[in-house]
Amino acid sequence: MKALLKIGIRGVTVFDVRGFGAQGGSKERHAGSEFSEDNFIAKVKMEIVVRKDQVEAVIEKVKGEAWTGEIGDGKIFLVPVADVIRIRTGERGEKAERMAGGLSDMTFPA
């Protein structure tokens, strides 16, 4: 999302997932149980790890990009992250995630 890049967010992980809620969905079998076609639908899950001081800005950007006013606009869950470890270097915390960097070393697509 360009909007997140512009506020300094360096990474987003996106998953194609299926779930159910108010929207409905398709018929599936899991662990011997059948769920009606009203239960599972394709969804997108995003994970974004940010510093505390970035949380509100990220919430506003995601809401602004995702909002249609219809059921299915999505939900945002805030989950604390205890630590981050970069396996290759052993760095921990902000250094591992490069969360302390600014916009100066980033380029934006036109």
Foldseek 3Di string as FASTA:
>chain_A
DLLCVVQPFDDKDKDWDKFADPQFAQWDDDPNDIDHRGTIHIDMDMDGDADPVCVVVVVVSLCVVQDDPDPPSDDDDDDDDPKDAQVVPRDMHCVNVVRPDDSPPDDGDD
